[in-house]
Protein backbone atom coordinates (compact mmCIF):
# COMPACT_ATOMS: atom_id res chain seq x y z
CA MET A 1 2.98 0.19 -9.46
CA PHE A 2 3.09 1.64 -12.96
CA ASP A 3 0.07 0.95 -15.13
CA GLU A 4 -0.41 2.13 -18.70
CA LYS A 5 -3.97 3.25 -17.85
CA GLN A 6 -2.72 5.68 -15.23
CA ASP A 7 -1.58 9.24 -15.79
CA SER A 8 1.93 8.35 -14.67
CA HIS A 9 3.28 11.87 -15.25
CA LEU A 10 0.86 13.08 -12.56
CA LEU A 11 1.63 10.29 -10.09
CA LEU A 12 5.40 9.96 -10.35
CA PRO A 13 8.01 12.62 -9.57
CA GLU A 14 9.75 14.44 -12.38
CA GLY A 15 13.10 12.90 -13.19
CA LEU A 16 12.16 9.38 -12.08
CA ARG A 17 12.72 7.92 -15.54
CA GLU A 18 16.23 9.36 -15.57
CA LEU A 19 16.85 7.94 -12.11
CA ILE A 20 15.57 4.48 -13.08
CA ALA A 21 18.01 4.50 -16.00
CA THR A 22 20.92 4.56 -13.52
CA VAL A 23 20.04 1.46 -11.48
CA ASP A 24 21.86 -1.86 -11.91
CA GLY A 25 18.86 -3.98 -11.00
CA LEU A 26 15.36 -3.94 -9.58
CA ILE A 27 13.76 -5.48 -6.50
CA ALA A 28 10.08 -6.32 -7.00
CA GLU A 29 7.35 -8.52 -5.57
CA ARG A 30 7.19 -10.47 -8.83
CA GLU A 31 9.68 -10.78 -11.68
CA ARG A 32 6.98 -10.18 -14.26
CA THR A 33 5.73 -6.89 -12.81
CA GLY A 34 9.27 -5.72 -12.23
CA ARG A 35 10.17 -6.38 -15.85
CA ARG A 36 7.06 -4.56 -17.07
CA TYR A 37 7.98 -1.59 -14.92
CA VAL A 38 11.49 -1.07 -16.27
CA ILE A 39 10.29 -1.62 -19.84
CA LYS A 40 7.57 1.02 -19.44
CA MET A 41 10.04 3.38 -17.77
CA GLY A 42 12.39 3.01 -20.74
CA HIS A 43 15.46 1.57 -19.02
CA PRO A 44 18.15 0.99 -21.68
CA ASN A 45 18.73 -2.56 -20.45
CA ALA A 46 15.14 -3.35 -19.47
CA ARG A 47 14.98 -6.74 -21.18
CA ASN A 48 18.09 -8.05 -19.46
CA MET A 49 18.11 -6.17 -16.18
CA PRO A 50 18.37 -8.46 -13.10
CA ILE A 51 15.08 -8.61 -11.18
CA TYR A 52 15.30 -9.75 -7.55
CA VAL A 53 12.12 -10.97 -5.85
CA LEU A 54 11.16 -9.65 -2.42
CA ASN A 55 7.68 -10.40 -1.09
CA GLU A 56 5.90 -11.87 1.92
CA HIS A 57 7.31 -15.31 1.08
CA THR A 58 10.95 -14.19 1.03
CA ARG A 59 12.89 -15.55 3.98
CA ASP A 60 16.44 -14.79 2.91
CA PHE A 61 17.48 -11.71 0.97
CA SER A 62 21.19 -11.78 1.82
CA ASP A 63 22.01 -11.91 -1.90
CA ILE A 64 20.33 -8.53 -2.29
CA THR A 65 22.07 -6.96 0.71
CA ASP A 66 25.40 -8.38 -0.49
CA LEU A 67 25.04 -6.69 -3.86
CA ILE A 68 24.08 -3.34 -2.34
CA ALA A 69 26.87 -3.53 0.25
CA GLN A 70 29.28 -4.12 -2.63
CA GLY A 71 28.18 -0.87 -4.25
CA ARG A 72 25.49 -1.97 -6.68
CA THR A 73 22.52 0.38 -7.08
CA LEU A 74 19.16 -1.38 -6.87
CA GLY A 75 15.66 0.07 -7.00
CA LEU A 76 12.79 -1.26 -4.90
CA ILE A 77 9.21 -1.09 -6.17
CA SER A 78 5.85 -2.39 -5.01
CA ASP A 79 2.98 -4.02 -6.88
CA ALA A 80 0.70 -1.41 -5.33
CA GLY A 81 1.50 1.15 -2.69
CA MET A 82 4.67 2.43 -1.07
CA PRO A 83 7.45 -0.10 -0.32
CA GLY A 84 7.97 -0.48 3.41
CA VAL A 85 4.50 0.82 4.35
CA ALA A 86 2.21 -2.18 4.71
CA ASP A 87 4.37 -3.61 1.94
CA PRO A 88 7.64 -5.56 1.61
CA GLY A 89 10.77 -3.50 2.15
CA SER A 90 11.14 -2.48 5.78
CA GLU A 91 13.12 -5.59 6.74
CA LEU A 92 15.46 -5.01 3.82
CA VAL A 93 16.11 -1.43 4.92
CA THR A 94 16.80 -2.63 8.48
CA ALA A 95 19.21 -5.31 7.22
CA LEU A 96 21.06 -2.78 5.07
CA ARG A 97 21.46 -0.33 7.92
CA LYS A 98 22.81 -3.10 10.14
CA ARG A 99 25.45 -3.71 7.47
CA GLY A 100 26.42 -0.07 7.50
CA VAL A 101 24.68 0.94 4.28
CA THR A 102 23.43 4.50 4.73
CA ASP A 103 22.95 5.68 1.15
CA ILE A 104 19.29 4.71 1.02
CA LYS A 105 16.87 7.05 -0.73
CA ALA A 106 13.06 7.15 -0.72
CA ILE A 107 11.47 8.53 -3.88
CA PRO A 108 8.13 10.31 -3.30
CA GLY A 109 5.17 8.55 -4.84
CA PRO A 110 1.50 7.77 -4.25
CA SER A 111 0.52 5.86 -1.12
CA SER A 112 -3.05 4.58 -1.06
CA ILE A 113 -3.12 4.88 2.72
CA LEU A 114 -2.40 8.61 2.77
CA LEU A 115 -4.43 9.29 -0.36
CA ALA A 116 -7.45 7.63 1.26
CA LEU A 117 -6.94 9.67 4.43
CA VAL A 118 -6.83 12.93 2.47
CA LEU A 119 -9.81 12.09 0.26
CA SER A 120 -11.96 10.84 3.13
CA GLY A 121 -12.05 14.19 4.88
CA LEU A 122 -12.19 12.34 8.21
CA GLY A 123 -9.23 14.24 9.62
CA GLY A 124 -5.48 13.78 9.35
CA GLN A 125 -4.38 15.53 12.54
CA ASN A 126 -4.72 12.33 14.58
CA PHE A 127 -4.85 9.00 12.76
CA ALA A 128 -3.62 5.42 13.07
CA PHE A 129 -2.95 2.81 10.43
CA HIS A 130 -3.73 -0.71 11.65
CA GLY A 131 -2.97 -2.73 8.53
CA TYR A 132 -4.79 -6.06 8.42
CA LEU A 133 -7.01 -6.99 11.36
CA PRO A 134 -7.36 -10.60 12.65
CA ARG A 135 -8.86 -13.05 10.17
CA GLU A 136 -11.27 -14.45 12.77
CA SER A 137 -14.49 -12.44 12.74
CA GLU A 138 -14.95 -12.40 16.51
CA LYS A 139 -11.43 -11.12 17.16
CA ARG A 140 -11.77 -8.58 14.36
CA ARG A 141 -15.02 -7.25 15.81
CA GLN A 142 -13.42 -6.91 19.24
CA VAL A 143 -10.64 -4.78 17.75
CA LEU A 144 -13.10 -2.61 15.81
CA LYS A 145 -15.18 -1.96 18.91
CA ARG A 146 -12.13 -1.14 21.00
CA LEU A 147 -10.80 1.30 18.42
CA GLU A 148 -14.19 2.98 18.05
CA HIS A 149 -13.92 4.09 21.67
CA ILE A 150 -10.84 6.15 20.82
CA GLN A 151 -12.31 9.57 20.19
CA LYS A 152 -11.15 12.10 17.59
CA GLN A 153 -8.91 9.65 15.76
CA THR A 154 -9.22 8.33 12.21
CA HIS A 155 -8.57 4.59 11.93
CA ILE A 156 -7.24 3.13 8.68
CA PHE A 157 -7.28 -0.50 7.54
CA ILE A 158 -6.59 -2.59 4.47
CA GLU A 159 -7.92 -5.99 3.49
CA THR A 160 -7.37 -8.57 0.78
CA PRO A 161 -9.93 -7.75 -1.95
CA TYR A 162 -11.71 -11.10 -1.78
CA ARG A 163 -12.31 -10.46 1.93
CA ASN A 164 -13.65 -6.92 1.49
CA ASN A 165 -17.24 -7.94 2.16
CA VAL A 166 -16.37 -9.88 5.30
CA PHE A 167 -14.63 -6.83 6.72
CA PHE A 168 -17.42 -4.52 5.53
CA HIS A 169 -20.14 -6.62 7.15
CA ASP A 170 -18.25 -6.71 10.44
CA CYS A 171 -17.98 -2.90 10.38
CA CYS A 172 -21.71 -2.59 9.77
CA ALA A 173 -22.50 -5.08 12.52
CA ILE A 174 -20.27 -3.74 15.27
CA LEU A 175 -19.77 0.02 14.73
CA SER A 176 -22.25 2.60 15.98
CA PRO A 177 -24.89 3.85 13.48
CA SER A 178 -23.43 7.38 13.54
CA THR A 179 -19.80 6.36 12.98
CA GLN A 180 -18.48 7.61 9.64
CA LEU A 181 -17.01 4.91 7.40
CA CYS A 182 -15.02 5.64 4.26
CA ILE A 183 -14.45 3.04 1.53
CA ALA A 184 -11.76 4.17 -0.90
CA SER A 185 -11.09 1.86 -3.87
CA GLN A 186 -8.85 1.78 -6.93
CA LEU A 187 -7.04 4.94 -5.87
CA THR A 188 -5.14 6.70 -8.71
CA PHE A 189 -6.91 4.57 -11.33
CA PRO A 190 -9.58 5.84 -13.75
CA ASP A 191 -12.32 4.02 -11.81
CA GLU A 192 -11.27 5.47 -8.45
CA SER A 193 -14.09 5.58 -5.91
CA VAL A 194 -14.23 7.26 -2.50
CA ARG A 195 -17.45 7.14 -0.51
CA VAL A 196 -18.03 8.37 3.04
CA GLN A 197 -21.24 7.96 5.05
CA ALA A 198 -22.57 6.85 8.41
CA ILE A 199 -22.83 3.17 9.25
CA ARG A 200 -26.63 3.49 9.27
CA GLU A 201 -26.43 4.35 5.56
CA TRP A 202 -23.88 1.66 4.73
CA LYS A 203 -26.24 -0.95 6.16
CA LYS A 204 -28.54 -0.36 3.20
CA ILE A 205 -25.86 -1.88 0.94
CA SER A 206 -25.53 -5.66 0.78
CA GLU A 207 -22.00 -5.90 -0.61
CA ILE A 208 -19.06 -3.95 -2.02
CA ALA A 209 -16.68 -4.70 -4.88
CA LYS A 210 -13.77 -7.10 -4.48
CA ILE A 211 -11.11 -4.62 -5.58
CA PRO A 212 -8.12 -2.97 -3.84
CA THR A 213 -9.66 -0.91 -1.04
CA VAL A 214 -8.69 1.16 1.97
CA PHE A 215 -11.17 1.37 4.86
CA LEU A 216 -11.31 4.29 7.29
CA PHE A 217 -13.66 5.19 10.12
CA ARG A 218 -14.01 7.87 12.75
CA SER A 219 -16.52 7.93 15.58
């Protein structure tokens, strides 16, 4: 998601502003953030552009698919991340393809998942993204232990910021002392932080910040 504190010219592809100027409407997780986005991107009709909401609470988006099937051009953005990757959007793409819509384009942009993988140095030849693990601590620990047995693979997870410490403490409790854990937070923002060390070292820390974070480990 666009933020005035970010160096947007470094994060977004050249020509994106011109492309945004051609869309008839925007699909966003929230109307407010969608409106801010088109205003910052300088769309000529930013104040009046239709904003359609698509998030985890959306159950019916037939109005959106109808518009696109009729030839309207709509852009899809995310609050943070890449639409369709651990983010709303994949079901919309599936629905459009079922309706015969094939003119669907993906615009390159930053993905915290891949950025964290690159910056961790844990290895990108063999990796798996697991999204959110079970909310119950016991089930979550069982998954962590099972995945740790998979050798030479980097495992990637995300968590709701207010639950960062719960996830962190489970990692420290269940993973082997030598397993390397990476905590990558606020990626692409001025206060970006990426830290990698063995579990034995992480255990010296009582808590981590409740901010957007990607977790990675490799045994």
